[in-house]
Amino acid sequence: MSKVNTISRIDLLNQFNAAPDDALFDQKTIAAVRDCSLATMERDRWAGTGIPFIKLGRSVKYRKADVLLWLDKHHPQQSTSSAA
């Protein structure tokens, strides 16, 4: 049986936080930052509502600065009735 090489969410978050603002990350890392699924990342890309991304061949990458800017625009809500 082969051992699957998985990185924990904490490790992904630590890598993201330690990187410079121009660093590029894959959707797995950004899903960990957003605490969402890969399917949500893909749906948001398709709908045009997600974080701006860079397409490099078949790979999708996200710049840390773009992720932080996107997160800054999405403020925490106190309740579902206060969400816009």
N, C-alpha and C. Protein backbone atom coordinates (compact mmCIF):
# COMPACT_ATOMS: atom_id res chain seq x y z
N MET A 1 0.85 -1.17 0.00
CA MET A 1 0.00 0.00 0.00
C MET A 1 0.90 1.24 0.00
N SER A 2 0.60 2.21 -0.89
CA SER A 2 1.42 3.42 -0.95
C SER A 2 0.88 4.48 0.00
N LYS A 3 1.80 5.24 0.52
CA LYS A 3 1.43 6.31 1.44
C LYS A 3 1.09 7.56 0.63
N VAL A 4 -0.06 8.14 0.86
CA VAL A 4 -0.49 9.34 0.15
C VAL A 4 0.19 10.54 0.79
N ASN A 5 0.79 11.37 -0.04
CA ASN A 5 1.47 12.56 0.44
C ASN A 5 0.46 13.71 0.53
N THR A 6 -0.04 13.96 1.72
CA THR A 6 -0.99 15.03 1.92
C THR A 6 -0.39 16.08 2.84
N ILE A 7 -0.75 17.31 2.57
CA ILE A 7 -0.29 18.42 3.39
C ILE A 7 -1.50 18.92 4.18
N SER A 8 -1.31 19.14 5.47
CA SER A 8 -2.43 19.58 6.31
C SER A 8 -2.82 21.01 5.98
N ARG A 9 -4.03 21.35 6.35
CA ARG A 9 -4.53 22.72 6.14
C ARG A 9 -3.63 23.72 6.88
N ILE A 10 -3.18 23.37 8.05
CA ILE A 10 -2.30 24.26 8.84
C ILE A 10 -1.00 24.51 8.07
N ASP A 11 -0.43 23.46 7.48
CA ASP A 11 0.81 23.63 6.71
C ASP A 11 0.57 24.53 5.50
N LEU A 12 -0.56 24.35 4.82
CA LEU A 12 -0.88 25.19 3.67
C LEU A 12 -1.05 26.65 4.09
N LEU A 13 -1.72 26.88 5.21
CA LEU A 13 -1.90 28.24 5.71
C LEU A 13 -0.57 28.87 6.11
N ASN A 14 0.29 28.10 6.73
CA ASN A 14 1.62 28.60 7.11
C ASN A 14 2.45 28.97 5.88
N GLN A 15 2.39 28.13 4.84
CA GLN A 15 3.11 28.43 3.60
C GLN A 15 2.57 29.71 2.97
N PHE A 16 1.26 29.86 2.95
CA PHE A 16 0.63 31.05 2.38
C PHE A 16 1.06 32.30 3.15
N ASN A 17 0.96 32.25 4.47
CA ASN A 17 1.29 33.41 5.29
C ASN A 17 2.76 33.80 5.22
N ALA A 18 3.65 32.84 5.05
CA ALA A 18 5.08 33.12 5.00
C ALA A 18 5.55 33.63 3.63
N ALA A 19 4.75 33.46 2.61
CA ALA A 19 5.16 33.80 1.24
C ALA A 19 5.05 35.31 0.97
N PRO A 20 5.85 35.80 0.02
CA PRO A 20 5.73 37.21 -0.38
C PRO A 20 4.41 37.43 -1.14
N ASP A 21 3.99 38.68 -1.25
CA ASP A 21 2.71 39.01 -1.88
C ASP A 21 2.63 38.63 -3.35
N ASP A 22 3.77 38.47 -4.03
CA ASP A 22 3.74 38.11 -5.45
C ASP A 22 3.81 36.60 -5.69
N ALA A 23 3.80 35.81 -4.62
CA ALA A 23 3.85 34.36 -4.74
C ALA A 23 2.56 33.83 -5.36
N LEU A 24 2.70 32.74 -6.13
CA LEU A 24 1.56 32.09 -6.77
C LEU A 24 1.23 30.79 -6.05
N PHE A 25 -0.07 30.51 -5.93
CA PHE A 25 -0.52 29.30 -5.24
C PHE A 25 -1.56 28.58 -6.07
N ASP A 26 -1.66 27.26 -5.86
CA ASP A 26 -2.67 26.47 -6.55
C ASP A 26 -4.00 26.57 -5.80
N GLN A 27 -5.04 26.02 -6.40
CA GLN A 27 -6.37 26.15 -5.81
C GLN A 27 -6.51 25.39 -4.50
N LYS A 28 -5.73 24.35 -4.30
CA LYS A 28 -5.79 23.61 -3.04
C LYS A 28 -5.39 24.50 -1.87
N THR A 29 -4.33 25.27 -2.04
CA THR A 29 -3.88 26.16 -0.98
C THR A 29 -4.90 27.26 -0.73
N ILE A 30 -5.43 27.84 -1.81
CA ILE A 30 -6.39 28.94 -1.65
C ILE A 30 -7.71 28.43 -1.07
N ALA A 31 -8.09 27.21 -1.40
CA ALA A 31 -9.28 26.62 -0.78
C ALA A 31 -9.06 26.48 0.72
N ALA A 32 -7.84 26.14 1.13
CA ALA A 32 -7.52 26.05 2.56
C ALA A 32 -7.61 27.43 3.21
N VAL A 33 -7.13 28.45 2.53
CA VAL A 33 -7.19 29.82 3.05
C VAL A 33 -8.65 30.25 3.20
N ARG A 34 -9.47 29.95 2.20
CA ARG A 34 -10.89 30.32 2.22
C ARG A 34 -11.73 29.37 3.08
N ASP A 35 -11.18 28.23 3.43
CA ASP A 35 -11.90 27.18 4.15
C ASP A 35 -13.13 26.73 3.35
N CYS A 36 -12.87 26.41 2.08
CA CYS A 36 -13.93 25.94 1.20
C CYS A 36 -13.42 24.73 0.40
N SER A 37 -14.29 24.12 -0.36
CA SER A 37 -13.92 22.96 -1.16
C SER A 37 -13.31 23.36 -2.49
N LEU A 38 -12.65 22.41 -3.14
CA LEU A 38 -12.13 22.65 -4.49
C LEU A 38 -13.27 22.89 -5.46
N ALA A 39 -14.40 22.23 -5.24
CA ALA A 39 -15.57 22.42 -6.10
C ALA A 39 -16.07 23.86 -6.01
N THR A 40 -16.04 24.44 -4.82
CA THR A 40 -16.44 25.84 -4.66
C THR A 40 -15.49 26.75 -5.40
N MET A 41 -14.20 26.48 -5.32
CA MET A 41 -13.21 27.28 -6.05
C MET A 41 -13.50 27.23 -7.55
N GLU A 42 -13.75 26.03 -8.06
CA GLU A 42 -14.01 25.85 -9.49
C GLU A 42 -15.31 26.53 -9.91
N ARG A 43 -16.36 26.39 -9.10
CA ARG A 43 -17.64 27.03 -9.41
C ARG A 43 -17.50 28.55 -9.42
N ASP A 44 -16.78 29.12 -8.46
CA ASP A 44 -16.59 30.56 -8.41
C ASP A 44 -15.80 31.07 -9.60
N ARG A 45 -14.81 30.29 -10.03
CA ARG A 45 -14.03 30.66 -11.24
C ARG A 45 -14.94 30.67 -12.45
N TRP A 46 -15.74 29.61 -12.59
CA TRP A 46 -16.65 29.49 -13.72
C TRP A 46 -17.67 30.63 -13.74
N ALA A 47 -18.19 30.99 -12.56
CA ALA A 47 -19.21 32.03 -12.46
C ALA A 47 -18.62 33.44 -12.53
N GLY A 48 -17.31 33.55 -12.38
CA GLY A 48 -16.67 34.86 -12.41
C GLY A 48 -16.81 35.63 -11.11
N THR A 49 -17.11 34.93 -10.03
CA THR A 49 -17.32 35.59 -8.74
C THR A 49 -16.19 35.35 -7.76
N GLY A 50 -15.23 34.56 -8.15
CA GLY A 50 -14.16 34.19 -7.23
C GLY A 50 -12.97 35.13 -7.29
N ILE A 51 -11.90 34.68 -6.73
CA ILE A 51 -10.65 35.42 -6.69
C ILE A 51 -10.04 35.45 -8.09
N PRO A 52 -9.51 36.61 -8.52
CA PRO A 52 -8.83 36.65 -9.83
C PRO A 52 -7.72 35.60 -9.88
N PHE A 53 -7.58 34.98 -11.05
CA PHE A 53 -6.61 33.89 -11.18
C PHE A 53 -5.78 34.08 -12.45
N ILE A 54 -4.71 33.32 -12.52
CA ILE A 54 -3.82 33.32 -13.67
C ILE A 54 -3.83 31.92 -14.25
N LYS A 55 -4.03 31.83 -15.54
CA LYS A 55 -4.03 30.52 -16.21
C LYS A 55 -2.66 30.35 -16.86
N LEU A 56 -1.92 29.34 -16.43
CA LEU A 56 -0.61 29.00 -16.97
C LEU A 56 -0.71 27.62 -17.59
N GLY A 57 -0.94 27.57 -18.90
CA GLY A 57 -1.19 26.29 -19.55
C GLY A 57 -2.50 25.73 -19.01
N ARG A 58 -2.42 24.55 -18.42
CA ARG A 58 -3.62 23.93 -17.83
C ARG A 58 -3.74 24.22 -16.33
N SER A 59 -2.74 24.89 -15.79
CA SER A 59 -2.73 25.18 -14.36
C SER A 59 -3.41 26.50 -14.06
N VAL A 60 -4.08 26.54 -12.92
CA VAL A 60 -4.69 27.76 -12.42
C VAL A 60 -3.90 28.17 -11.18
N LYS A 61 -3.47 29.43 -11.16
CA LYS A 61 -2.69 29.94 -10.03
C LYS A 61 -3.33 31.21 -9.51
N TYR A 62 -3.12 31.46 -8.24
CA TYR A 62 -3.64 32.64 -7.57
C TYR A 62 -2.48 33.40 -6.94
N ARG A 63 -2.43 34.71 -7.17
CA ARG A 63 -1.40 35.56 -6.57
C ARG A 63 -1.86 35.93 -5.17
N LYS A 64 -0.94 35.81 -4.20
CA LYS A 64 -1.27 36.07 -2.80
C LYS A 64 -1.89 37.45 -2.63
N ALA A 65 -1.35 38.47 -3.27
CA ALA A 65 -1.89 39.83 -3.14
C ALA A 65 -3.34 39.90 -3.59
N ASP A 66 -3.70 39.18 -4.67
CA ASP A 66 -5.08 39.15 -5.15
C ASP A 66 -6.00 38.46 -4.15
N VAL A 67 -5.50 37.40 -3.55
CA VAL A 67 -6.29 36.66 -2.54
C VAL A 67 -6.57 37.56 -1.34
N LEU A 68 -5.54 38.25 -0.85
CA LEU A 68 -5.72 39.12 0.31
C LEU A 68 -6.68 40.26 0.00
N LEU A 69 -6.58 40.83 -1.19
CA LEU A 69 -7.48 41.91 -1.59
C LEU A 69 -8.92 41.41 -1.66
N TRP A 70 -9.12 40.23 -2.25
CA TRP A 70 -10.46 39.64 -2.36
C TRP A 70 -11.04 39.37 -0.97
N LEU A 71 -10.22 38.81 -0.08
CA LEU A 71 -10.69 38.52 1.27
C LEU A 71 -11.05 39.80 2.02
N ASP A 72 -10.29 40.86 1.79
CA ASP A 72 -10.55 42.13 2.45
C ASP A 72 -11.90 42.72 2.04
N LYS A 73 -12.33 42.42 0.82
CA LYS A 73 -13.61 42.93 0.32
C LYS A 73 -14.80 42.13 0.84
N HIS A 74 -14.55 40.99 1.42
CA HIS A 74 -15.62 40.12 1.92
C HIS A 74 -15.58 40.12 3.45
N HIS A 75 -16.31 41.04 4.03
CA HIS A 75 -16.29 41.23 5.47
C HIS A 75 -17.11 40.17 6.19
N PRO A 76 -16.68 39.80 7.38
CA PRO A 76 -17.45 38.82 8.16
C PRO A 76 -18.84 39.36 8.48
N GLN A 77 -19.80 38.46 8.56
CA GLN A 77 -21.19 38.82 8.87
C GLN A 77 -21.52 38.34 10.28
N GLN A 78 -22.42 39.07 10.92
CA GLN A 78 -22.88 38.69 12.25
C GLN A 78 -24.02 37.68 12.20
N SER A 79 -24.80 37.74 11.10
CA SER A 79 -25.91 36.81 10.94
C SER A 79 -26.22 36.68 9.46
N THR A 80 -27.01 35.67 9.11
CA THR A 80 -27.37 35.50 7.70
C THR A 80 -28.27 36.62 7.22
N SER A 81 -29.01 37.25 8.10
CA SER A 81 -29.88 38.36 7.68
C SER A 81 -29.10 39.64 7.39
N SER A 82 -27.86 39.75 7.91
CA SER A 82 -27.06 40.94 7.62
C SER A 82 -26.22 40.79 6.36
N ALA A 83 -26.17 39.58 5.78
CA ALA A 83 -25.40 39.35 4.57
C ALA A 83 -26.09 40.03 3.40
N ALA A 84 -25.28 40.67 2.56
CA ALA A 84 -25.85 41.38 1.40
C ALA A 84 -26.05 40.46 0.23
